N, C-alpha and C. Protein backbone atom coordinates (compact mmCIF):
# COMPACT_ATOMS: atom_id res chain seq x y z
N MET A 1 -83.72 -110.97 -29.38
CA MET A 1 -84.07 -110.41 -28.06
C MET A 1 -83.43 -109.10 -27.81
N PHE A 2 -82.20 -108.99 -28.18
CA PHE A 2 -81.45 -107.83 -27.96
C PHE A 2 -82.01 -106.64 -28.79
N ALA A 3 -82.45 -107.00 -30.02
CA ALA A 3 -83.08 -106.01 -30.88
C ALA A 3 -84.41 -105.49 -30.28
N LEU A 4 -85.11 -106.32 -29.76
CA LEU A 4 -86.40 -106.00 -29.07
C LEU A 4 -86.20 -104.96 -28.01
N VAL A 5 -85.19 -105.37 -27.13
CA VAL A 5 -84.94 -104.44 -26.05
C VAL A 5 -84.43 -103.15 -26.48
N GLY A 6 -83.52 -103.11 -27.42
CA GLY A 6 -82.94 -101.87 -27.84
C GLY A 6 -83.89 -101.02 -28.62
N ALA A 7 -84.69 -101.68 -29.45
CA ALA A 7 -85.63 -100.83 -30.22
C ALA A 7 -86.63 -100.20 -29.17
N THR A 8 -87.08 -100.90 -28.17
CA THR A 8 -88.09 -100.39 -27.28
C THR A 8 -87.44 -99.26 -26.51
N GLY A 9 -86.26 -99.46 -26.09
CA GLY A 9 -85.51 -98.36 -25.34
C GLY A 9 -85.28 -97.07 -26.24
N VAL A 10 -84.84 -97.23 -27.40
CA VAL A 10 -84.73 -96.07 -28.28
C VAL A 10 -86.04 -95.36 -28.70
N ALA A 11 -87.05 -96.19 -28.93
CA ALA A 11 -88.30 -95.66 -29.38
C ALA A 11 -88.91 -94.88 -28.17
N GLY A 12 -88.63 -95.31 -26.91
CA GLY A 12 -89.11 -94.61 -25.80
C GLY A 12 -88.47 -93.22 -25.63
N CYS A 13 -87.32 -93.01 -26.13
CA CYS A 13 -86.65 -91.77 -26.02
C CYS A 13 -87.21 -90.65 -27.02
N THR A 14 -88.22 -91.04 -27.84
CA THR A 14 -88.81 -90.14 -28.76
C THR A 14 -90.06 -89.54 -28.29
N GLN A 15 -90.36 -89.66 -27.01
CA GLN A 15 -91.61 -89.14 -26.58
C GLN A 15 -91.83 -87.77 -26.70
N GLY A 16 -90.77 -86.81 -26.57
CA GLY A 16 -90.93 -85.44 -26.69
C GLY A 16 -91.34 -85.00 -28.09
N ILE A 17 -91.18 -85.82 -29.17
CA ILE A 17 -91.51 -85.38 -30.41
C ILE A 17 -92.83 -86.05 -30.98
N ASN A 18 -93.40 -86.74 -30.09
CA ASN A 18 -94.77 -87.49 -30.47
C ASN A 18 -94.56 -88.37 -31.78
N PRO A 19 -93.75 -89.36 -31.85
CA PRO A 19 -93.54 -90.08 -32.96
C PRO A 19 -94.69 -90.97 -33.43
N THR A 20 -94.72 -91.19 -34.67
CA THR A 20 -95.77 -92.16 -35.25
C THR A 20 -95.28 -93.59 -35.15
N ASP A 21 -96.12 -94.53 -35.53
CA ASP A 21 -95.69 -95.85 -35.62
C ASP A 21 -94.61 -96.11 -36.61
N THR A 22 -94.69 -95.30 -37.76
CA THR A 22 -93.58 -95.37 -38.78
C THR A 22 -92.30 -94.90 -38.19
N ASP A 23 -92.31 -93.81 -37.51
CA ASP A 23 -91.09 -93.28 -36.91
C ASP A 23 -90.41 -94.26 -36.02
N ARG A 24 -91.24 -94.86 -35.07
CA ARG A 24 -90.77 -95.88 -34.20
C ARG A 24 -90.25 -97.05 -34.93
N ALA A 25 -90.98 -97.54 -35.93
CA ALA A 25 -90.51 -98.74 -36.75
C ALA A 25 -89.20 -98.48 -37.42
N LEU A 26 -88.98 -97.27 -38.00
CA LEU A 26 -87.76 -96.90 -38.63
C LEU A 26 -86.64 -96.93 -37.55
N ILE A 27 -86.84 -96.30 -36.46
CA ILE A 27 -85.87 -96.30 -35.39
C ILE A 27 -85.50 -97.62 -34.99
N GLY A 28 -86.57 -98.42 -34.73
CA GLY A 28 -86.30 -99.89 -34.28
C GLY A 28 -85.62 -100.66 -35.32
N ALA A 29 -86.01 -100.43 -36.59
CA ALA A 29 -85.18 -101.25 -37.61
C ALA A 29 -83.70 -100.85 -37.75
N GLY A 30 -83.47 -99.55 -37.46
CA GLY A 30 -82.08 -99.13 -37.42
C GLY A 30 -81.33 -99.76 -36.29
N VAL A 31 -81.91 -99.78 -35.17
CA VAL A 31 -81.32 -100.39 -33.96
C VAL A 31 -81.19 -101.83 -34.08
N GLY A 32 -82.19 -102.55 -34.63
CA GLY A 32 -82.08 -103.95 -34.80
C GLY A 32 -81.08 -104.37 -35.87
N ALA A 33 -80.99 -103.66 -36.90
CA ALA A 33 -79.97 -103.84 -37.90
C ALA A 33 -78.58 -103.70 -37.34
N THR A 34 -78.36 -102.67 -36.65
CA THR A 34 -77.13 -102.40 -35.97
C THR A 34 -76.75 -103.46 -34.95
N ALA A 35 -77.63 -103.76 -34.13
CA ALA A 35 -77.33 -104.91 -33.10
C ALA A 35 -77.00 -106.15 -33.75
N ALA A 36 -77.78 -106.44 -34.82
CA ALA A 36 -77.40 -107.66 -35.51
C ALA A 36 -76.07 -107.70 -36.24
N SER A 37 -75.79 -106.57 -36.79
CA SER A 37 -74.43 -106.49 -37.42
C SER A 37 -73.36 -106.54 -36.54
N VAL A 38 -73.41 -105.90 -35.33
CA VAL A 38 -72.39 -105.84 -34.36
C VAL A 38 -72.27 -107.35 -33.78
N SER A 39 -73.36 -108.04 -33.55
CA SER A 39 -73.34 -109.38 -32.94
C SER A 39 -73.09 -110.39 -33.91
N GLY A 40 -72.93 -110.08 -35.26
CA GLY A 40 -72.66 -111.14 -36.28
C GLY A 40 -73.77 -111.89 -36.73
N ARG A 41 -74.96 -111.38 -36.45
CA ARG A 41 -76.25 -112.00 -36.89
C ARG A 41 -76.70 -111.56 -38.23
N ASN A 42 -77.90 -112.02 -38.67
CA ASN A 42 -78.52 -111.69 -39.96
C ASN A 42 -79.07 -110.23 -39.73
N VAL A 43 -78.58 -109.24 -40.58
CA VAL A 43 -78.93 -107.89 -40.43
C VAL A 43 -80.45 -107.67 -40.86
N VAL A 44 -80.85 -108.43 -41.94
CA VAL A 44 -82.29 -108.27 -42.44
C VAL A 44 -83.22 -108.62 -41.36
N ARG A 45 -82.96 -109.80 -40.74
CA ARG A 45 -83.80 -110.30 -39.71
C ARG A 45 -83.81 -109.36 -38.42
N GLY A 46 -82.59 -108.86 -38.06
CA GLY A 46 -82.50 -107.87 -37.01
C GLY A 46 -83.31 -106.60 -37.23
N ALA A 47 -83.29 -106.07 -38.53
CA ALA A 47 -84.02 -104.95 -38.85
C ALA A 47 -85.54 -105.21 -38.77
N ALA A 48 -85.98 -106.37 -39.23
CA ALA A 48 -87.39 -106.83 -39.23
C ALA A 48 -87.86 -106.91 -37.84
N ILE A 49 -87.11 -107.54 -36.93
CA ILE A 49 -87.52 -107.69 -35.56
C ILE A 49 -87.59 -106.24 -34.86
N GLY A 50 -86.52 -105.63 -35.08
CA GLY A 50 -86.48 -104.23 -34.47
C GLY A 50 -87.54 -103.37 -34.99
N GLY A 51 -87.89 -103.36 -36.25
CA GLY A 51 -88.87 -102.50 -36.75
C GLY A 51 -90.26 -102.89 -36.20
N ALA A 52 -90.57 -104.18 -36.08
CA ALA A 52 -91.83 -104.56 -35.54
C ALA A 52 -91.86 -104.21 -34.07
N ALA A 53 -90.82 -104.37 -33.35
CA ALA A 53 -90.79 -103.99 -31.90
C ALA A 53 -90.99 -102.45 -31.75
N GLY A 54 -90.39 -101.70 -32.64
CA GLY A 54 -90.51 -100.22 -32.49
C GLY A 54 -91.94 -99.84 -32.88
N ALA A 55 -92.57 -100.46 -33.83
CA ALA A 55 -93.92 -100.06 -34.28
C ALA A 55 -94.94 -100.49 -33.21
N LEU A 56 -94.71 -101.65 -32.54
CA LEU A 56 -95.69 -102.12 -31.66
C LEU A 56 -95.51 -101.85 -30.15
N CYS A 57 -94.31 -101.06 -29.79
CA CYS A 57 -94.03 -100.84 -28.42
C CYS A 57 -95.10 -99.97 -27.71
N ASP A 58 -95.69 -99.12 -28.35
CA ASP A 58 -96.70 -98.28 -27.82
C ASP A 58 -97.98 -99.10 -27.56
N ASP A 59 -98.19 -99.98 -28.40
CA ASP A 59 -99.46 -100.82 -28.23
C ASP A 59 -99.33 -101.80 -27.02
N PHE A 60 -98.14 -102.05 -26.65
CA PHE A 60 -97.91 -102.83 -25.38
C PHE A 60 -97.55 -102.02 -24.23
N ARG A 61 -97.67 -100.66 -24.36
CA ARG A 61 -97.31 -99.67 -23.33
C ARG A 61 -95.91 -99.83 -22.90
N LEU A 62 -94.99 -100.06 -23.76
CA LEU A 62 -93.58 -100.14 -23.30
C LEU A 62 -92.82 -98.86 -23.56
N CYS A 63 -93.38 -98.03 -24.48
CA CYS A 63 -92.61 -96.75 -24.81
C CYS A 63 -93.45 -95.57 -24.71
N GLN A 64 -94.41 -95.54 -23.71
CA GLN A 64 -95.16 -94.34 -23.61
C GLN A 64 -94.72 -93.52 -22.40
């Protein structure tokens, strides 16, 4: 859940550069992996959740 919120927040900060889904997914994966690492969770799972959240956040109108 933390990765989802973090990825959405960071992906929303990229509005000025008009990011693609890939850009948002990469940012989300980085945030998710970092959040998982800091909290002692599975880094790969955190990156996957964050990447999905970043790529899909515009589809759910969370980062526009």
